[in-house]
Protein backbone atom coordinates (compact mmCIF):
# COMPACT_ATOMS: atom_id res chain seq x y z
CA MET A 1 9.55 38.29 -69.75
CA ILE A 2 8.86 40.21 -66.57
CA ARG A 3 5.43 38.62 -66.30
CA HIS A 4 7.00 35.16 -66.58
CA ILE A 5 9.48 35.96 -63.79
CA LYS A 6 6.69 37.22 -61.53
CA ALA A 7 4.66 34.10 -62.23
CA TRP A 8 7.61 31.88 -61.31
CA ARG A 9 8.15 33.87 -58.12
CA ILE A 10 4.50 33.47 -57.13
CA THR A 11 4.65 29.75 -57.91
CA ILE A 12 7.80 29.30 -55.82
CA GLN A 13 6.32 31.28 -52.91
CA ILE A 14 3.12 29.20 -52.99
CA THR A 15 5.18 25.98 -53.10
CA VAL A 16 7.35 27.06 -50.17
CA ALA A 17 4.30 28.14 -48.15
CA THR A 18 2.59 24.82 -48.87
CA LEU A 19 5.67 22.87 -47.77
CA LEU A 20 5.89 24.91 -44.59
CA LEU A 21 2.23 24.31 -43.82
CA LEU A 22 2.62 20.58 -44.42
CA GLY A 23 5.69 20.53 -42.19
CA ASN A 24 3.90 22.38 -39.42
CA PHE A 25 0.90 20.07 -39.74
CA ALA A 26 3.13 17.00 -39.50
CA THR A 27 4.88 18.45 -36.47
CA ALA A 28 1.57 19.30 -34.82
CA THR A 29 0.25 15.82 -35.54
CA GLU A 30 3.36 14.28 -34.02
CA GLN A 31 3.06 16.47 -30.93
CA LYS A 32 -0.51 15.29 -30.36
CA ARG A 33 0.68 11.78 -29.47
CA LEU A 34 -0.42 11.42 -25.86
CA LYS A 35 1.49 9.97 -22.95
CA VAL A 36 -1.12 7.76 -21.28
CA GLY A 37 -0.25 6.49 -17.81
CA VAL A 38 -1.78 3.20 -16.69
CA ALA A 39 -2.29 2.32 -13.02
CA GLY A 40 -4.53 0.05 -11.01
CA SER A 41 -5.35 -3.61 -10.62
CA ALA A 42 -7.39 -6.26 -12.39
CA PRO A 43 -10.00 -6.51 -13.81
CA PHE A 44 -9.61 -2.85 -14.84
CA VAL A 45 -5.94 -3.11 -15.76
CA ILE A 46 -4.55 -6.53 -16.66
CA ASN A 47 -0.93 -6.61 -17.73
CA ASN A 48 0.09 -9.75 -19.60
CA GLY A 49 3.66 -8.92 -20.46
CA ASP A 50 3.62 -6.66 -23.51
CA GLU A 51 -0.18 -6.61 -23.74
CA LEU A 52 -2.55 -4.50 -21.68
CA HIS A 53 -6.26 -5.19 -21.41
CA GLY A 54 -9.12 -4.92 -18.94
CA ILE A 55 -12.19 -2.75 -18.42
CA SER A 56 -10.32 0.57 -18.21
CA ILE A 57 -8.03 -0.25 -21.13
CA GLU A 58 -10.86 -1.22 -23.48
CA ILE A 59 -12.94 1.81 -22.55
CA TRP A 60 -10.00 4.13 -23.15
CA GLU A 61 -9.18 2.54 -26.49
CA SER A 62 -12.80 3.04 -27.57
CA VAL A 63 -12.63 6.70 -26.50
CA ALA A 64 -9.30 7.17 -28.30
CA SER A 65 -10.67 5.56 -31.46
CA ASP A 66 -13.76 7.81 -31.43
CA ASN A 67 -11.56 10.91 -31.24
CA ASN A 68 -8.70 9.77 -33.50
CA LEU A 69 -6.19 10.09 -30.65
CA GLN A 70 -2.64 8.79 -30.95
CA TYR A 71 -0.99 7.65 -27.74
CA ASP A 72 1.66 5.55 -26.01
CA TYR A 73 1.12 3.62 -22.79
CA TYR A 74 3.27 4.30 -19.71
CA PRO A 75 2.39 1.61 -17.14
CA HIS A 76 3.05 2.44 -13.49
CA ARG A 77 4.75 -0.36 -11.61
CA SER A 78 3.19 0.69 -8.32
CA VAL A 79 -0.55 0.37 -7.58
CA ASP A 80 -0.30 3.62 -5.61
CA ILE A 81 -2.95 5.63 -7.48
CA ASP A 82 -2.13 8.85 -5.61
CA LYS A 83 1.45 8.63 -6.84
CA ALA A 84 0.25 8.10 -10.40
CA ILE A 85 -2.12 11.09 -10.17
CA ASP A 86 0.85 13.17 -9.03
CA SER A 87 2.51 12.35 -12.38
CA VAL A 88 -0.43 14.02 -14.13
CA ASP A 89 -0.18 17.06 -11.87
CA LYS A 90 3.54 17.39 -12.67
CA GLY A 91 2.91 17.07 -16.40
CA GLU A 92 4.93 13.85 -16.73
CA ILE A 93 1.95 12.21 -18.46
CA ASP A 94 -1.03 13.69 -20.31
CA LEU A 95 -3.62 11.27 -19.06
CA LEU A 96 -4.03 8.57 -16.41
CA ILE A 97 -6.36 5.64 -16.98
CA GLY A 98 -7.40 2.80 -14.70
CA PRO A 99 -9.76 2.37 -11.75
CA ILE A 100 -9.19 5.97 -10.62
CA SER A 101 -11.68 6.76 -7.86
CA ILE A 102 -12.92 10.34 -7.99
CA THR A 103 -12.63 11.38 -4.35
CA SER A 104 -13.00 14.75 -2.65
CA LYS A 105 -9.32 14.71 -1.74
CA ARG A 106 -8.29 14.18 -5.36
CA LEU A 107 -10.72 16.78 -6.68
CA LYS A 108 -8.92 19.38 -4.56
CA ILE A 109 -5.74 18.97 -6.65
CA GLN A 110 -5.80 22.11 -8.79
CA GLY A 111 -3.67 20.74 -11.61
CA VAL A 112 -5.76 17.60 -12.15
CA ASN A 113 -9.26 17.11 -13.51
CA PHE A 114 -11.41 14.02 -14.11
CA THR A 115 -13.67 12.80 -16.87
CA GLN A 116 -17.30 11.83 -16.61
CA PRO A 117 -17.42 8.60 -14.50
CA TYR A 118 -17.26 5.54 -16.72
CA PHE A 119 -17.84 3.01 -13.91
CA PHE A 120 -19.80 3.03 -10.66
CA ALA A 121 -18.46 0.73 -7.96
CA LYS A 122 -18.49 0.14 -4.22
CA ALA A 123 -15.77 -0.30 -1.63
CA GLY A 124 -15.76 -3.88 -0.41
CA VAL A 125 -14.32 -5.67 2.60
CA LEU A 126 -12.38 -8.92 2.33
CA LEU A 127 -12.59 -11.27 5.31
CA HIS A 128 -11.31 -14.64 6.41
CA LYS A 129 -13.97 -17.32 6.13
CA ASP A 130 -13.09 -18.75 9.54
CA PRO A 131 -12.63 -16.51 12.60
CA PRO A 132 -9.15 -16.60 14.21
CA THR A 133 -8.66 -19.19 16.92
CA LEU A 134 -7.12 -18.57 20.34
CA PHE A 135 -3.84 -19.96 19.05
CA ASP A 136 -3.91 -17.51 16.11
CA ARG A 137 -4.13 -14.64 18.58
CA VAL A 138 -1.55 -15.97 21.04
CA LYS A 139 1.03 -16.71 18.35
CA VAL A 140 1.74 -12.99 17.97
CA PHE A 141 3.79 -13.27 21.16
CA PHE A 142 6.03 -15.72 19.33
CA GLY A 143 6.64 -13.47 16.37
CA LYS A 144 10.07 -12.56 15.11
CA ALA A 145 10.08 -9.10 16.69
CA VAL A 146 9.19 -10.31 20.17
CA LEU A 147 11.39 -13.43 20.13
CA SER A 148 14.39 -11.57 18.75
CA SER A 149 14.03 -8.90 21.45
CA VAL A 150 13.86 -11.55 24.19
CA VAL A 151 16.83 -13.51 22.82
CA VAL A 152 18.97 -10.37 22.50
CA LEU A 153 18.01 -9.24 26.00
CA ILE A 154 18.86 -12.61 27.59
CA SER A 155 22.17 -12.70 25.73
CA VAL A 156 23.05 -9.20 26.93
CA ILE A 157 22.09 -10.03 30.53
CA PHE A 158 24.38 -13.07 30.58
CA THR A 159 27.15 -11.09 28.87
CA VAL A 160 26.95 -8.35 31.51
CA GLY A 161 26.71 -10.99 34.24
CA THR A 162 29.89 -12.63 32.93
CA LEU A 163 31.77 -9.30 32.82
CA ILE A 164 30.68 -8.48 36.38
CA TRP A 165 31.81 -11.92 37.56
CA LEU A 166 35.21 -11.53 35.87
CA ALA A 167 35.70 -8.13 37.52
CA GLU A 168 34.49 -9.17 41.01
CA ARG A 169 35.37 -12.86 41.49
CA ARG A 170 38.72 -12.26 43.25
CA ARG A 171 37.74 -9.45 45.66
CA ASN A 172 34.03 -10.08 46.07
CA GLU A 173 33.63 -13.85 46.39
CA ASP A 174 30.62 -13.60 48.72
CA ASN A 175 28.51 -12.02 46.01
CA PHE A 176 30.23 -13.47 42.94
CA PRO A 177 31.92 -16.85 43.71
CA ARG A 178 35.02 -17.92 41.81
CA GLU A 179 33.27 -21.04 40.53
CA TRP A 180 32.16 -19.96 37.02
CA ALA A 181 28.65 -21.47 36.95
CA SER A 182 27.40 -19.95 40.20
CA GLY A 183 29.47 -16.80 39.64
CA ILE A 184 27.97 -16.07 36.21
CA ALA A 185 24.50 -16.97 37.52
CA ASN A 186 24.89 -14.41 40.32
CA GLY A 187 26.21 -11.88 37.80
CA ALA A 188 23.20 -12.45 35.51
CA TRP A 189 20.86 -12.08 38.52
CA PHE A 190 22.52 -8.79 39.41
CA ALA A 191 22.20 -7.59 35.76
CA LEU A 192 18.51 -8.52 35.72
CA VAL A 193 17.80 -6.74 39.02
CA THR A 194 19.62 -3.66 37.72
CA LEU A 195 17.72 -3.81 34.43
CA THR A 196 14.34 -3.85 36.16
CA THR A 197 15.45 -1.14 38.64
CA VAL A 198 14.15 -3.31 41.51
CA GLY A 199 17.41 -2.84 43.41
CA TYR A 200 17.30 -5.60 46.06
CA GLY A 201 20.79 -4.70 47.19
CA ASP A 202 21.66 -8.34 47.91
CA LYS A 203 24.58 -8.14 45.50
CA ALA A 204 26.74 -5.16 44.55
CA PRO A 205 30.13 -4.60 42.88
CA ILE A 206 33.00 -3.21 44.94
CA THR A 207 35.77 -2.92 42.35
CA ARG A 208 36.23 0.07 40.07
CA THR A 209 35.94 -2.11 36.97
CA GLY A 210 32.77 -3.73 38.32
CA ARG A 211 31.21 -0.36 39.09
CA LEU A 212 32.17 0.98 35.66
CA ILE A 213 30.53 -2.01 33.99
CA THR A 214 27.46 -1.55 36.20
CA SER A 215 27.20 2.16 35.39
CA THR A 216 27.44 1.45 31.68
CA TRP A 217 24.81 -1.28 32.00
CA MET A 218 22.44 1.07 33.82
CA VAL A 219 22.50 3.43 30.85
CA ILE A 220 22.22 0.66 28.26
CA SER A 221 19.38 -1.00 30.16
CA LEU A 222 17.20 2.07 29.60
CA ILE A 223 17.41 1.43 25.86
CA ALA A 224 17.03 -2.33 26.29
CA VAL A 225 13.86 -1.96 28.34
CA SER A 226 12.40 0.47 25.78
CA SER A 227 13.05 -1.94 22.91
CA LEU A 228 11.54 -4.90 24.76
CA THR A 229 8.54 -2.84 25.85
CA ALA A 230 7.92 -1.73 22.27
CA GLY A 231 7.97 -5.32 21.02
CA LEU A 232 5.65 -6.54 23.75
CA ALA A 233 3.32 -3.55 23.29
CA SER A 234 3.07 -4.29 19.57
CA ALA A 235 2.29 -7.95 20.25
CA LEU A 236 -0.26 -7.01 22.91
CA THR A 237 -1.96 -4.62 20.48
CA LEU A 238 -2.18 -7.40 17.92
CA PHE A 239 -3.60 -9.75 20.53
CA LEU A 240 -6.21 -7.33 21.81
CA SER A 241 -7.27 -6.16 18.35
CA GLY A 242 -8.19 -9.72 17.49
CA ALA A 243 -9.47 -10.69 20.91
CA SER A 244 -13.10 -10.38 19.95
CA GLU A 245 -14.54 -13.50 18.41
CA ASN A 246 -17.58 -11.62 17.11
CA PRO A 247 -17.89 -12.09 13.33
CA ILE A 248 -17.89 -9.06 11.06
CA HIS A 249 -21.39 -8.54 9.66
CA HIS A 250 -21.67 -4.73 9.70
CA PRO A 251 -19.31 -1.77 9.22
CA GLU A 252 -19.49 -1.11 12.98
CA ASP A 253 -17.89 -4.52 13.58
CA LEU A 254 -14.64 -3.17 12.10
CA LYS A 255 -14.10 -0.74 14.95
CA GLN A 256 -10.81 -1.22 16.77
CA ARG A 257 -9.92 -4.10 14.44
CA ARG A 258 -6.73 -4.25 12.39
CA VAL A 259 -7.76 -3.38 8.83
CA ALA A 260 -5.45 -3.67 5.83
CA VAL A 261 -5.40 -1.16 2.96
CA VAL A 262 -3.22 -0.66 -0.10
CA LYS A 263 -1.05 2.44 0.04
CA GLY A 264 -2.46 5.29 -2.05
CA SER A 265 -5.80 3.58 -2.72
CA SER A 266 -9.25 5.01 -2.10
CA GLY A 267 -9.65 2.31 0.56
CA SER A 268 -6.99 4.02 2.65
CA GLU A 269 -9.08 7.23 2.66
CA ILE A 270 -12.16 5.29 3.76
CA ALA A 271 -10.25 3.53 6.53
CA GLU A 272 -8.72 6.77 7.78
CA ASP A 273 -12.21 8.07 8.52
CA ALA A 274 -13.18 4.92 10.43
CA ASP A 275 -12.28 3.88 13.96
CA VAL A 276 -9.89 1.11 12.91
CA ILE A 277 -6.26 0.18 13.38
CA LEU A 278 -4.72 0.85 9.98
CA VAL A 279 -2.28 -1.64 8.42
CA VAL A 280 -0.78 -0.33 5.18
CA ALA A 281 0.36 -2.78 2.49
CA GLU A 282 2.31 -2.00 -0.68
CA THR A 283 0.33 -4.27 -3.00
CA LEU A 284 -3.01 -6.04 -3.20
CA ASP A 285 -1.31 -9.42 -2.73
CA ASP A 286 0.43 -8.17 0.42
CA ALA A 287 -2.87 -6.97 1.88
CA VAL A 288 -4.56 -10.30 1.12
CA GLN A 289 -1.70 -12.11 2.81
CA LEU A 290 -2.22 -10.04 5.95
CA VAL A 291 -5.80 -11.34 6.15
CA LEU A 292 -4.71 -14.92 5.43
CA ASN A 293 -2.13 -14.74 8.23
CA ASN A 294 -4.69 -13.18 10.61
CA ASP A 295 -2.44 -10.12 10.89
CA ALA A 296 -5.47 -8.11 9.81
CA ALA A 297 -9.14 -8.79 10.43
CA ALA A 298 -10.22 -7.29 7.11
CA PHE A 299 -9.01 -5.66 3.90
CA ILE A 300 -10.76 -2.63 2.37
CA PHE A 301 -10.48 -2.34 -1.40
CA ASP A 302 -12.57 -1.86 -4.54
CA ARG A 303 -15.26 -4.53 -4.55
CA PRO A 304 -14.93 -5.38 -8.30
CA ALA A 305 -11.20 -5.96 -7.84
CA LEU A 306 -11.85 -8.20 -4.82
CA ARG A 307 -14.42 -10.21 -6.77
CA TYR A 308 -11.99 -10.66 -9.64
CA TYR A 309 -9.23 -11.70 -7.24
CA LEU A 310 -11.40 -14.39 -5.64
CA LYS A 311 -12.53 -15.55 -9.06
CA ASN A 312 -8.89 -16.26 -9.93
CA HIS A 313 -8.05 -17.67 -6.47
CA PRO A 314 -11.10 -19.81 -5.63
CA ASP A 315 -9.20 -22.01 -3.17
CA LEU A 316 -8.40 -19.19 -0.74
CA PRO A 317 -10.35 -19.29 2.56
CA LEU A 318 -11.58 -15.75 1.98
CA LYS A 319 -14.91 -14.09 1.35
CA ILE A 320 -16.33 -10.65 0.67
CA ALA A 321 -18.35 -9.09 3.49
CA PRO A 322 -22.13 -8.83 2.94
CA PHE A 323 -21.94 -5.03 3.18
CA THR A 324 -20.20 -2.17 1.42
CA LEU A 325 -18.57 0.91 2.89
CA ALA A 326 -18.90 3.59 0.23
CA GLU A 327 -19.98 4.32 -3.33
CA GLU A 328 -17.15 4.95 -5.77
CA THR A 329 -16.96 6.44 -9.25
CA TYR A 330 -14.10 5.76 -11.65
CA GLY A 331 -12.89 8.27 -14.21
CA PHE A 332 -9.76 9.14 -16.17
CA ALA A 333 -7.46 11.84 -14.80
CA PHE A 334 -5.95 14.52 -17.00
CA LYS A 335 -4.25 17.90 -16.74
CA THR A 336 -6.61 20.75 -15.92
CA GLY A 337 -7.48 22.80 -19.02
CA SER A 338 -6.94 19.94 -21.48
CA HIS A 339 -8.90 20.13 -24.74
CA LEU A 340 -9.70 16.41 -24.32
CA ASN A 341 -12.22 17.02 -21.55
CA THR A 342 -15.45 17.37 -23.56
CA PRO A 343 -14.61 14.82 -26.32
CA MET A 344 -13.81 12.14 -23.73
CA ASP A 345 -16.95 12.87 -21.72
CA VAL A 346 -19.11 12.54 -24.83
CA SER A 347 -17.50 9.22 -25.80
CA ILE A 348 -17.84 7.80 -22.28
CA LEU A 349 -21.54 8.70 -22.12
CA GLU A 350 -22.13 7.05 -25.49
CA LEU A 351 -20.38 3.88 -24.29
CA GLN A 352 -22.54 3.77 -21.18
CA ARG A 353 -25.78 4.29 -23.12
CA SER A 354 -24.86 1.57 -25.60
CA GLY A 355 -24.38 -0.94 -22.77
CA ALA A 356 -20.76 -1.63 -23.76
CA VAL A 357 -19.43 -0.98 -20.25
CA GLU A 358 -21.97 -3.28 -18.61
CA THR A 359 -21.32 -6.07 -21.12
CA LEU A 360 -17.56 -5.86 -20.59
CA THR A 361 -17.90 -5.80 -16.80
CA THR A 362 -20.25 -8.78 -16.74
CA SER A 363 -17.92 -10.90 -18.87
CA LEU A 364 -14.98 -10.26 -16.54
CA LEU A 365 -16.65 -10.42 -13.13
CA THR A 366 -19.56 -12.83 -13.20
CA LYS A 367 -18.24 -15.86 -15.01
CA ASP A 368 -17.41 -18.61 -12.49
CA GLN A 369 -17.71 -16.02 -9.74
CA PRO A 370 -17.76 -17.51 -6.21
CA THR A 371 -20.59 -16.50 -3.92
CA ASP A 372 -19.74 -13.52 -1.71
């Protein structure tokens, strides 16, 4: 009887231990489901509603399949790669995939590591096919910022001139006649002379109200002149930066030109090291629009992405420069110390040796590709 009881106890203990092990295994399996962030632009990341595809997506899915990895995608709305990498550093995601350039600046982030490069690219330069005309350069003086500053300033001058005339017209008719047209005109002239600090002295207020208005205007005019000067200086910078009609054939031709970059992209790092006037855009489309509007002479971005963009927008009067600025390597970013490091590297190398990456890239970039 005692032996039977002991046997039952052993059986129950083994059953309980087995159930606990199975429970722990299930929990561990569930915890291994990775949070995979997705960032970047086509052709590496193409988001068609609920479906993600592209070079980076297909490579990652091959790597995940090789290593039996379970995961969920977490697409980043912004194309700011630096911001997405920061999510890895903070532990918000386990892995970041996309056209993630492995730069020296990013390698210095202690909490983030990168896989073996899965793609080797170059930084390209997008240009307008036709150089800007004289009208394109002059029209910056008729931009919203400049025109609004001029309109506001003229309105303020006539407002001050009217107030001066109302205060002075009865006791100072020689300088500000009672007749409204000539009186306001003289008042506006006085406001303009005061604004520019020329101080002809041909007209001056004599009433307390007139002097109070004048004193107030003297202080306000300091701000008004600063605002107008800033607007004109910005327009003049735009004009001078595009004053050269020399075409861009070499990297040196970009010097002192307005060059667009996407915020947080590797192109922004390249441009920061060059002698250019940086124009930061939030998205790729915004940067392209800057070139189309001649608000920027060029746009620095990943050459494969530029080629894909032109492939899908063949009617745009844009081209890719016949030179490149830097070599780039793309890898996946993950938290430093992750056990995924070696398995992912092995899978990526096998994909490269099999020619899968080259085949995928060729199918997306070369079909119906316009000449650079």
